[in-house]
């Protein structure tokens, strides 16, 4: 009955005893107020903890100690949740202060549900595999008074403002009057990264940071452990522990979103070894069912962040040639940051196994910034001088790429004019109005290896000669094709 509720109606002590100590319930209309409490538009039932009461006007509150809560009339809280990657973020603290009041700060520790396991000797230890799932976040939750104050949020490590690679912000459903607060209420400080931070985005890429922990690495539907002596040249590799559950098993890291600025180009490489479950070498060199490298971009669907859209982007589709059936093979390519990547709340780089029944070991992973000042040559690995196909690919299976004569790229199994080699050129170099010379030496062979003579006078058909094309992509996903060896670059 409105205005006739006894303290026994609520009891927070059970939740508090189980580690759920920061609690509040919004009483819209104040219909659950204790006897004698004046009516208000909205009131709050709240646990009496520093995180909940730090900025509160407690003169409006009546405390019920034996029930573990306070009833605060004419009070409404707004809550926000910050979710950060779980790996190597345990020493972060959220620091909140009203704008202009640096001394009146609230410090909030992150929450993380630490899974445990029982060792053979009966001891209890953290379950490193369960705790390193890509969707298992460390969270910082704050509930602050809905008043005119603007609050400054800082993620702090070692007393200094820092950044845990990415932060996903989620607001609760608006419950307070005129609850259109978001940007006007919260200012999350994003510190400017040191240039060296953005030169290499992968941390612990060689797996040598620890002898028994896979620092910074996360997984999905695969599990993982360190494989001592099984990496490149006998080093340490990262090894999937469960290769049966799903073809979507992956190993990855969240990239520093501060570095992902539109127009920047990054070079990706990862050494991957594939075997059958019993360790027998497995020749996995096609575009459809072998490991690849991808990005997963998560962006809020609306300004509240209660739902996120996910966009997957292929970075490297298959192994570099020549393929090594008994050892590690290289995934290598590039990607250019577009507006979708730049606006992502989080960006996960990952290597996906793509099929069940095989084991995957990963070593020497890198996502490094391409030097945009090196514009004398726009094509990566155009002379194949190192005898491999790095940065080259074909978008159309079942075309097969191999290295021929030590320093040339050969395409076989072609059954269409579209089955051709492709590469991404350096971005940030091409200027509108400039002219560029494109050239390539090409030899055509019949299926038996004999020379095939094309006809330069025709433009289509079985005897047509090769041509070079440049495809430029717009932000909308549309593209334009420029033909010929002499290409005038347009604005897009």
Protein backbone atom coordinates (compact mmCIF):
# COMPACT_ATOMS: atom_id res chain seq x y z
CA UNK A 1 0.00 0.00 0.00
CA UNK A 2 1.43 3.37 -0.97
CA UNK A 3 3.06 5.14 1.96
CA UNK A 4 2.54 2.15 4.27
CA UNK A 5 5.52 -0.09 3.55
CA UNK A 6 7.52 -1.51 6.46
CA UNK A 7 11.33 -2.02 6.41
CA UNK A 8 10.80 -5.79 6.32
CA UNK A 9 9.61 -5.53 2.74
CA UNK A 10 13.27 -5.32 1.60
CA UNK A 11 16.39 -7.18 2.69
CA UNK A 12 19.73 -6.75 0.94
CA UNK A 13 21.81 -8.70 3.46
CA UNK A 14 21.61 -12.01 1.57
CA UNK A 15 22.89 -10.47 -1.63
CA UNK A 16 25.61 -8.56 0.21
CA UNK A 17 26.83 -11.75 1.93
CA UNK A 18 27.25 -13.29 -1.56
CA UNK A 19 29.43 -10.47 -2.83
CA UNK A 20 26.68 -8.42 -4.50
CA UNK A 21 27.18 -5.29 -2.47
CA UNK A 22 26.36 -2.34 -4.74
CA UNK A 23 22.57 -2.47 -5.20
CA UNK A 24 19.84 0.01 -5.96
CA UNK A 25 16.15 -0.15 -6.91
CA UNK A 26 14.35 2.82 -8.43
CA UNK A 27 10.98 3.54 -6.82
CA UNK A 28 9.18 5.43 -9.58
CA UNK A 29 6.42 7.44 -7.92
CA UNK A 30 7.81 6.64 -4.43
CA UNK A 31 4.96 4.23 -3.81
CA UNK A 32 7.18 1.95 -1.71
CA UNK A 33 8.32 4.64 0.73
CA UNK A 34 8.36 3.85 4.46
CA UNK A 35 5.69 5.24 6.73
CA UNK A 36 6.07 8.93 7.35
CA UNK A 37 8.32 9.55 4.38
CA UNK A 38 7.11 12.46 2.21
CA UNK A 39 5.99 11.60 -1.29
CA UNK A 40 8.32 12.37 -4.19
CA UNK A 41 8.36 11.92 -7.96
CA UNK A 42 11.02 9.21 -7.70
CA UNK A 43 13.03 7.69 -4.87
CA UNK A 44 15.70 5.01 -4.51
CA UNK A 45 16.25 1.95 -2.31
CA UNK A 46 20.01 1.59 -2.04
CA UNK A 47 22.74 -0.40 -0.30
CA UNK A 48 24.84 1.67 2.08
CA UNK A 49 28.25 1.24 0.45
CA UNK A 50 30.81 3.93 -0.49
CA UNK A 51 30.39 3.26 -4.21
CA UNK A 52 26.65 3.95 -3.99
CA UNK A 53 26.59 6.88 -1.56
CA UNK A 54 29.79 8.82 -2.38
CA UNK A 55 28.02 11.60 -4.30
CA UNK A 56 24.63 11.17 -2.62
CA UNK A 57 22.80 13.66 -0.42
CA UNK A 58 22.30 11.25 2.49
CA UNK A 59 20.19 13.76 4.41
CA UNK A 60 17.32 12.49 2.26
CA UNK A 61 17.93 8.88 3.30
CA UNK A 62 16.56 6.69 6.09
CA UNK A 63 18.79 3.72 6.95
CA UNK A 64 17.65 0.22 7.91
CA UNK A 65 20.88 -1.31 9.19
CA UNK A 66 19.57 -4.81 9.91
CA UNK A 67 18.21 -5.01 6.36
CA UNK A 68 21.33 -3.64 4.66
CA UNK A 69 19.70 -0.76 2.80
CA UNK A 70 18.68 2.88 2.88
CA UNK A 71 15.56 4.52 1.46
CA UNK A 72 16.44 7.85 -0.17
CA UNK A 73 13.45 9.99 -1.09
CA UNK A 74 13.47 12.48 -3.96
CA UNK A 75 16.57 10.69 -5.29
CA UNK A 76 17.23 9.05 -8.64
CA UNK A 77 20.39 7.31 -9.85
CA UNK A 78 21.73 6.82 -13.36
CA UNK A 79 23.87 3.75 -13.92
CA UNK A 80 26.50 3.04 -16.52
CA UNK A 81 28.60 -0.07 -17.18
CA UNK A 82 32.10 0.00 -18.64
CA UNK A 83 33.28 -3.35 -20.05
CA UNK A 84 36.96 -3.91 -20.87
CA UNK A 85 38.93 -6.97 -22.05
CA UNK A 86 39.71 -9.29 -19.15
CA UNK A 87 43.34 -10.11 -19.88
CA UNK A 88 45.98 -7.96 -18.13
CA UNK A 89 43.47 -5.41 -16.83
CA UNK A 90 43.18 -6.54 -13.20
CA UNK A 91 45.16 -3.52 -11.96
CA UNK A 92 42.83 -0.92 -13.51
CA UNK A 93 40.64 1.29 -11.31
CA UNK A 94 37.79 3.55 -12.44
CA UNK A 95 38.20 7.07 -11.05
CA UNK A 96 35.11 9.32 -11.08
CA UNK A 97 34.89 12.93 -10.03
CA UNK A 98 32.47 15.76 -10.73
CA UNK A 99 33.81 18.16 -13.32
CA UNK A 100 36.04 20.73 -11.63
CA UNK A 101 36.28 18.77 -8.34
CA UNK A 102 39.46 16.71 -8.68
CA UNK A 103 39.73 16.04 -4.94
CA UNK A 104 36.26 14.55 -4.47
CA UNK A 105 36.94 11.35 -6.42
CA UNK A 106 35.28 7.95 -6.20
CA UNK A 107 37.45 4.91 -6.96
CA UNK A 108 35.73 1.76 -8.23
CA UNK A 109 37.49 -1.58 -8.64
CA UNK A 110 36.64 -3.78 -11.59
CA UNK A 111 34.38 -6.80 -11.22
CA UNK A 112 35.38 -10.12 -12.71
CA UNK A 113 33.88 -13.54 -12.08
CA UNK A 114 36.98 -15.65 -11.57
CA UNK A 115 36.35 -19.25 -12.64
CA UNK A 116 38.30 -21.88 -10.69
CA UNK A 117 39.37 -25.47 -11.23
CA UNK A 118 40.48 -28.33 -9.01
CA UNK A 119 44.04 -29.53 -9.57
CA UNK A 120 44.99 -33.24 -9.36
CA UNK A 121 46.34 -32.64 -5.85
CA UNK A 122 42.98 -31.23 -4.74
CA UNK A 123 44.06 -27.60 -4.65
CA UNK A 124 41.91 -24.87 -6.16
CA UNK A 125 43.38 -22.59 -8.82
CA UNK A 126 42.07 -20.06 -11.36
CA UNK A 127 40.80 -21.66 -14.56
CA UNK A 128 42.91 -19.77 -17.08
CA UNK A 129 40.99 -21.17 -20.05
CA UNK A 130 37.52 -20.29 -18.75
CA UNK A 131 38.72 -16.86 -17.64
CA UNK A 132 40.14 -15.97 -21.07
CA UNK A 133 36.98 -16.29 -23.15
CA UNK A 134 36.64 -13.31 -25.53
CA UNK A 135 33.22 -12.34 -24.14
CA UNK A 136 34.27 -12.53 -20.48
CA UNK A 137 34.83 -8.89 -19.58
CA UNK A 138 36.10 -7.01 -16.58
CA UNK A 139 33.38 -4.51 -15.70
CA UNK A 140 33.17 -1.22 -13.85
CA UNK A 141 29.68 -0.21 -12.75
CA UNK A 142 28.74 3.21 -11.45
CA UNK A 143 25.39 4.59 -10.25
CA UNK A 144 25.44 8.35 -9.78
CA UNK A 145 22.84 10.95 -8.82
CA UNK A 146 20.79 12.31 -11.70
CA UNK A 147 21.56 15.97 -11.14
CA UNK A 148 23.17 18.71 -13.15
CA UNK A 149 26.72 17.52 -12.45
CA UNK A 150 28.93 16.30 -15.25
CA UNK A 151 31.21 13.44 -14.21
CA UNK A 152 34.71 12.74 -15.46
CA UNK A 153 35.52 9.04 -15.87
CA UNK A 154 39.14 7.90 -16.00
CA UNK A 155 40.53 4.37 -16.11
CA UNK A 156 43.64 4.53 -13.96
CA UNK A 157 46.61 2.19 -13.66
CA UNK A 158 49.46 2.85 -11.26
CA UNK A 159 48.00 6.27 -10.47
CA UNK A 160 48.06 7.38 -14.12
CA UNK A 161 45.23 7.63 -16.66
CA UNK A 162 45.59 4.65 -19.01
CA UNK A 163 43.61 2.74 -21.63
CA UNK A 164 42.78 -1.02 -21.66
CA UNK A 165 42.79 -1.26 -25.51
CA UNK A 166 38.99 -0.83 -25.71
CA UNK A 167 35.96 0.14 -23.63
CA UNK A 168 32.32 -0.74 -24.32
CA UNK A 169 29.91 1.66 -22.57
CA UNK A 170 26.35 0.57 -21.70
CA UNK A 171 23.71 2.78 -20.05
CA UNK A 172 20.70 1.47 -18.16
CA UNK A 173 17.18 2.13 -19.35
CA UNK A 174 16.29 5.77 -18.52
CA UNK A 175 14.24 5.89 -15.31
CA UNK A 176 14.84 9.39 -14.04
CA UNK A 177 12.81 12.44 -15.11
CA UNK A 178 14.35 14.15 -18.17
CA UNK A 179 16.84 11.30 -18.37
CA UNK A 180 18.55 12.39 -21.58
CA UNK A 181 21.99 12.58 -20.05
CA UNK A 182 24.60 10.46 -21.83
CA UNK A 183 27.11 12.82 -23.48
CA UNK A 184 26.16 15.74 -21.27
CA UNK A 185 26.58 13.69 -18.09
CA UNK A 186 29.61 11.46 -18.64
CA UNK A 187 33.01 12.32 -20.09
CA UNK A 188 35.26 9.29 -20.52
CA UNK A 189 38.86 10.46 -20.77
CA UNK A 190 40.75 8.71 -23.59
CA UNK A 191 44.48 9.42 -23.16
CA UNK A 192 46.55 10.16 -26.26
CA UNK A 193 48.68 7.09 -27.04
CA UNK A 194 52.43 7.24 -27.31
CA UNK A 195 53.38 6.80 -31.01
CA UNK A 196 55.18 3.55 -30.17
CA UNK A 197 51.91 2.12 -28.84
CA UNK A 198 50.39 2.25 -32.33
CA UNK A 199 53.44 0.90 -34.17
CA UNK A 200 52.66 -2.67 -33.07
CA UNK A 201 49.13 -3.54 -31.86
CA UNK A 202 49.72 -7.16 -30.81
CA UNK A 203 51.09 -7.78 -27.34
CA UNK A 204 53.03 -10.96 -26.55
CA UNK A 205 52.93 -11.94 -30.21
CA UNK A 206 55.86 -14.34 -29.79
CA UNK A 207 54.25 -16.03 -26.73
CA UNK A 208 57.43 -15.51 -24.69
CA UNK A 209 56.07 -13.12 -22.02
CA UNK A 210 55.49 -15.98 -19.58
CA UNK A 211 56.42 -19.64 -19.32
CA UNK A 212 52.98 -20.72 -18.14
CA UNK A 213 50.41 -17.99 -18.93
CA UNK A 214 49.08 -16.78 -22.29
CA UNK A 215 49.09 -13.08 -21.40
CA UNK A 216 46.85 -10.84 -23.56
CA UNK A 217 45.49 -13.77 -25.62
CA UNK A 218 41.81 -14.75 -25.58
CA UNK A 219 39.83 -17.54 -27.22
CA UNK A 220 36.37 -18.57 -28.37
CA UNK A 221 35.14 -22.19 -28.43
CA UNK A 222 38.66 -23.60 -28.45
CA UNK A 223 40.55 -23.18 -25.19
CA UNK A 224 44.29 -22.60 -25.27
CA UNK A 225 47.60 -23.27 -23.60
CA UNK A 226 51.28 -22.55 -24.19
CA UNK A 227 53.19 -25.21 -26.14
CA UNK A 228 56.81 -25.06 -25.02
CA UNK A 229 59.35 -25.91 -27.73
CA UNK A 230 56.67 -26.32 -30.43
CA UNK A 231 56.88 -22.85 -31.96
CA UNK A 232 59.07 -21.44 -34.74
CA UNK A 233 62.64 -22.76 -34.32
CA UNK A 234 61.71 -24.50 -31.07
CA UNK A 235 60.23 -21.44 -29.37
CA UNK A 236 56.88 -21.26 -27.53
CA UNK A 237 53.63 -21.33 -29.49
CA UNK A 238 49.98 -20.83 -28.56
CA UNK A 239 48.03 -24.07 -28.87
CA UNK A 240 44.29 -24.74 -29.02
CA UNK A 241 43.27 -27.27 -26.38
CA UNK A 242 39.83 -28.13 -27.80
CA UNK A 243 39.69 -28.52 -31.57
CA UNK A 244 36.49 -30.57 -31.69
CA UNK A 245 33.71 -28.32 -30.45
CA UNK A 246 33.34 -25.88 -33.31
CA UNK A 247 34.87 -24.89 -36.62
CA UNK A 248 34.69 -21.31 -35.31
CA UNK A 249 37.39 -21.83 -32.70
CA UNK A 250 39.62 -18.78 -32.60
CA UNK A 251 42.56 -17.17 -30.82
CA UNK A 252 42.82 -13.39 -30.68
CA UNK A 253 43.39 -10.05 -28.99
CA UNK A 254 41.53 -6.76 -28.73
CA UNK A 255 43.35 -3.97 -30.58
CA UNK A 256 43.93 -0.51 -29.13
CA UNK A 257 41.03 1.53 -30.53
CA UNK A 258 42.96 4.80 -30.09
CA UNK A 259 45.33 3.70 -32.85
CA UNK A 260 42.67 2.73 -35.37
CA UNK A 261 42.38 6.05 -37.16
CA UNK A 262 40.74 6.25 -40.56
CA UNK A 263 43.22 5.89 -43.42
CA UNK A 264 45.93 4.14 -41.39
CA UNK A 265 47.16 0.89 -42.91
CA UNK A 266 48.37 -2.12 -40.91
CA UNK A 267 50.33 -5.17 -42.02
CA UNK A 268 49.26 -8.49 -40.50
CA UNK A 269 51.28 -11.65 -40.14
CA UNK A 270 50.87 -14.86 -38.14
CA UNK A 271 52.62 -18.21 -38.37
CA UNK A 272 50.18 -21.12 -38.09
CA UNK A 273 50.75 -24.88 -38.01
CA UNK A 274 47.91 -27.30 -38.70
CA UNK A 275 47.87 -31.02 -37.87
CA UNK A 276 45.31 -33.75 -37.37
CA UNK A 277 44.23 -34.62 -33.83
CA UNK A 278 46.97 -37.27 -33.57
CA UNK A 279 49.69 -34.85 -34.70
CA UNK A 280 49.88 -36.04 -38.31
CA UNK A 281 50.66 -33.14 -40.68
CA UNK A 282 47.56 -31.92 -42.46
CA UNK A 283 47.74 -30.13 -45.82
CA UNK A 284 45.30 -27.29 -45.34
CA UNK A 285 45.88 -24.73 -48.07
CA UNK A 286 42.52 -23.72 -49.53
CA UNK A 287 40.49 -20.57 -49.11
CA UNK A 288 37.34 -22.07 -47.60
CA UNK A 289 38.20 -24.40 -44.71
CA UNK A 290 41.66 -23.45 -43.48
CA UNK A 291 42.80 -20.90 -40.87
CA UNK A 292 42.44 -17.25 -41.74
CA UNK A 293 42.87 -13.87 -40.04
CA UNK A 294 39.91 -11.55 -39.44
CA UNK A 295 38.68 -8.51 -37.51
CA UNK A 296 35.47 -8.37 -35.46
CA UNK A 297 34.19 -4.82 -34.93
CA UNK A 298 31.55 -4.19 -32.24
CA UNK A 299 29.56 -0.97 -32.50
CA UNK A 300 26.60 0.15 -30.33
CA UNK A 301 23.29 -0.17 -32.15
CA UNK A 302 21.93 2.87 -30.26
CA UNK A 303 23.27 5.49 -27.89
CA UNK A 304 22.45 3.36 -24.83
CA UNK A 305 24.83 0.56 -25.85
CA UNK A 306 22.52 -2.21 -24.61
CA UNK A 307 22.92 -3.97 -27.95
CA UNK A 308 25.94 -4.12 -30.23
CA UNK A 309 26.20 -4.94 -33.91
CA UNK A 310 29.13 -7.08 -35.03
CA UNK A 311 30.94 -6.70 -38.32
CA UNK A 312 33.46 -9.34 -39.45
CA UNK A 313 36.16 -8.35 -41.92
CA UNK A 314 38.48 -10.78 -43.71
CA UNK A 315 42.13 -9.71 -43.54
CA UNK A 316 44.03 -12.79 -44.79
CA UNK A 317 42.08 -15.63 -46.39
CA UNK A 318 44.76 -18.31 -46.81
CA UNK A 319 48.42 -19.15 -46.37
CA UNK A 320 51.29 -17.51 -48.20
CA UNK A 321 53.05 -19.53 -50.89
CA UNK A 322 55.10 -21.67 -51.03
CA UNK A 323 52.99 -23.86 -48.74
CA UNK A 324 54.91 -26.01 -46.22
CA UNK A 325 52.83 -29.15 -45.53
CA UNK A 326 54.89 -30.28 -42.53
CA UNK A 327 55.48 -27.05 -40.67
CA UNK A 328 54.36 -23.51 -39.94
CA UNK A 329 52.81 -21.44 -42.71
CA UNK A 330 52.35 -17.70 -42.88
CA UNK A 331 49.16 -15.67 -42.95
CA UNK A 332 50.19 -12.25 -44.20
CA UNK A 333 48.25 -9.28 -45.57
CA UNK A 334 47.14 -5.72 -44.92
CA UNK A 335 44.03 -3.82 -43.93
CA UNK A 336 43.17 -0.14 -44.05
CA UNK A 337 41.18 1.45 -41.24
CA UNK A 338 37.83 2.72 -42.53
CA UNK A 339 35.04 4.56 -40.72
CA UNK A 340 33.48 1.28 -39.49
CA UNK A 341 36.69 0.18 -37.80
CA UNK A 342 37.44 3.67 -36.50
CA UNK A 343 34.01 4.00 -34.85
CA UNK A 344 34.10 0.54 -33.22
CA UNK A 345 33.80 0.39 -29.44
CA UNK A 346 36.04 -2.68 -29.63
CA UNK A 347 37.99 -4.36 -32.43
CA UNK A 348 39.08 -7.98 -32.04
CA UNK A 349 41.86 -9.38 -34.22
CA UNK A 350 41.67 -13.15 -34.39
CA UNK A 351 42.89 -16.25 -36.17
CA UNK A 352 40.05 -18.65 -36.89
CA UNK A 353 40.55 -22.41 -37.31
CA UNK A 354 37.50 -22.81 -39.61
CA UNK A 355 37.07 -26.58 -39.31
CA UNK A 356 36.82 -29.29 -36.66
CA UNK A 357 39.20 -32.21 -36.24
CA UNK A 358 42.46 -30.30 -36.71
CA UNK A 359 44.92 -28.77 -34.26
CA UNK A 360 46.20 -25.24 -34.64
CA UNK A 361 49.41 -23.76 -33.24
CA UNK A 362 50.10 -20.02 -33.58
CA UNK A 363 53.37 -18.11 -33.21
CA UNK A 364 54.99 -14.74 -34.04
CA UNK A 365 51.82 -12.74 -34.58
CA UNK A 366 52.04 -9.09 -35.58
CA UNK A 367 49.74 -6.21 -36.56
CA UNK A 368 52.16 -3.41 -37.42
CA UNK A 369 51.67 0.10 -38.78
CA UNK A 370 52.66 0.56 -42.41
CA UNK A 371 54.94 3.56 -42.93
CA UNK A 372 52.84 5.98 -44.99
CA UNK A 373 55.93 8.01 -45.93
CA UNK A 374 57.33 5.22 -48.12
CA UNK A 375 55.47 6.13 -51.31
CA UNK A 376 58.10 5.48 -54.00
CA UNK A 377 56.53 2.05 -54.69
CA UNK A 378 52.86 1.38 -53.98
CA UNK A 379 52.86 -2.41 -54.45
CA UNK A 380 54.01 -4.72 -51.68
CA UNK A 381 56.29 -7.58 -52.77
CA UNK A 382 55.96 -6.80 -56.46
CA UNK A 383 59.20 -8.57 -57.42
CA UNK A 384 58.72 -11.68 -55.23
CA UNK A 385 62.42 -11.34 -54.44
CA UNK A 386 62.12 -13.38 -51.23
CA UNK A 387 60.50 -16.28 -53.08
CA UNK A 388 57.09 -16.04 -51.44
CA UNK A 389 53.62 -14.67 -52.18
CA UNK A 390 53.33 -12.29 -49.24
CA UNK A 391 50.50 -9.72 -49.61
CA UNK A 392 49.11 -11.42 -52.76
CA UNK A 393 45.86 -13.36 -52.93
CA UNK A 394 42.99 -14.46 -55.14
CA UNK A 395 39.38 -13.84 -54.19
CA UNK A 396 38.05 -16.69 -56.30
CA UNK A 397 38.59 -20.34 -55.32
CA UNK A 398 39.62 -22.93 -56.44
CA UNK A 399 42.46 -20.92 -58.01
CA UNK A 400 45.83 -22.11 -56.72
CA UNK A 401 48.81 -19.82 -56.18
CA UNK A 402 52.38 -21.09 -56.16
CA UNK A 403 55.88 -19.64 -56.49
CA UNK A 404 57.56 -20.56 -59.79
CA UNK A 405 61.21 -20.20 -60.80
CA UNK A 406 62.06 -18.83 -57.37
CA UNK A 407 60.75 -15.31 -57.87
CA UNK A 408 57.47 -15.28 -59.81
CA UNK A 409 53.86 -15.94 -58.91
CA UNK A 410 51.97 -18.67 -60.76
CA UNK A 411 48.19 -19.03 -60.87
CA UNK A 412 46.76 -22.45 -61.79
CA UNK A 413 43.35 -24.13 -61.70
CA UNK A 414 41.86 -21.07 -63.37
CA UNK A 415 38.44 -21.58 -64.95
CA UNK A 416 37.39 -17.94 -65.27
CA UNK A 417 38.85 -14.64 -66.43
CA UNK A 418 38.32 -13.42 -62.86
CA UNK A 419 40.73 -15.99 -61.40
CA UNK A 420 43.69 -13.63 -61.14
CA UNK A 421 46.22 -12.46 -58.53
CA UNK A 422 45.36 -9.37 -56.46
CA UNK A 423 47.12 -7.19 -53.91
CA UNK A 424 46.25 -4.12 -51.83
CA UNK A 425 48.40 -1.09 -52.62
CA UNK A 426 49.72 1.35 -50.06
CA UNK A 427 47.05 3.75 -48.89
CA UNK A 428 47.72 7.38 -48.05
CA UNK A 429 50.15 7.78 -50.96
CA UNK A 430 47.96 8.29 -54.02
CA UNK A 431 47.07 11.91 -54.73
CA UNK A 432 44.17 13.20 -56.84
CA UNK A 433 45.31 14.38 -60.24
CA UNK A 434 48.64 12.53 -60.19
CA UNK A 435 49.49 9.87 -62.78
CA UNK A 436 51.11 6.56 -61.89
CA UNK A 437 52.86 3.99 -64.08
CA UNK A 438 51.71 0.41 -63.51
CA UNK A 439 53.67 -2.43 -65.07
CA UNK A 440 53.99 -6.19 -64.74
CA UNK A 441 55.67 -8.97 -66.70
CA UNK A 442 53.26 -11.83 -67.51
CA UNK A 443 53.74 -15.21 -69.17
CA UNK A 444 50.77 -17.33 -70.28
CA UNK A 445 51.02 -21.12 -70.50
CA UNK A 446 48.77 -23.91 -71.65
CA UNK A 447 47.88 -26.68 -69.28
CA UNK A 448 50.87 -28.73 -70.53
CA UNK A 449 53.32 -25.89 -69.83
CA UNK A 450 53.71 -24.75 -73.43
CA UNK A 451 53.60 -21.05 -74.27
CA UNK A 452 50.14 -19.58 -74.95
CA UNK A 453 49.97 -16.67 -77.40
CA UNK A 454 47.21 -14.13 -76.65
CA UNK A 455 45.68 -11.70 -79.12
CA UNK A 456 46.17 -8.02 -78.16
CA UNK A 457 43.55 -6.91 -80.71
CA UNK A 458 40.60 -8.48 -78.90
CA UNK A 459 38.97 -7.31 -75.68
CA UNK A 460 37.13 -10.45 -74.64
CA UNK A 461 37.21 -14.20 -75.24
CA UNK A 462 39.60 -17.13 -74.86
CA UNK A 463 42.52 -15.37 -76.56
CA UNK A 464 42.27 -12.03 -74.76
CA UNK A 465 45.53 -10.77 -73.24
CA UNK A 466 45.95 -9.95 -69.54
CA UNK A 467 45.28 -6.42 -68.35
CA UNK A 468 45.90 -4.59 -65.11
CA UNK A 469 43.06 -3.00 -63.20
CA UNK A 470 42.82 -0.77 -60.14
CA UNK A 471 39.74 -1.01 -57.96
CA UNK A 472 39.02 1.77 -55.48
CA UNK A 473 36.46 1.32 -52.71
CA UNK A 474 34.10 3.90 -51.28
CA UNK A 475 32.91 4.08 -47.68
CA UNK A 476 29.50 2.84 -48.87
CA UNK A 477 31.07 -0.41 -50.07
CA UNK A 478 30.71 0.58 -53.71
CA UNK A 479 33.79 0.41 -55.91
CA UNK A 480 35.15 1.84 -59.15
CA UNK A 481 37.40 0.03 -61.63
CA UNK A 482 40.13 1.76 -63.61
CA UNK A 483 41.55 -0.07 -66.65
CA UNK A 484 44.87 0.26 -68.41
CA UNK A 485 48.53 0.60 -67.67
CA UNK A 486 48.30 4.38 -67.25
CA UNK A 487 45.74 5.27 -64.63
CA UNK A 488 44.57 8.76 -63.58
CA UNK A 489 43.59 8.67 -59.91
CA UNK A 490 40.24 10.22 -59.00
CA UNK A 491 39.20 11.59 -55.64
CA UNK A 492 37.81 8.23 -54.50
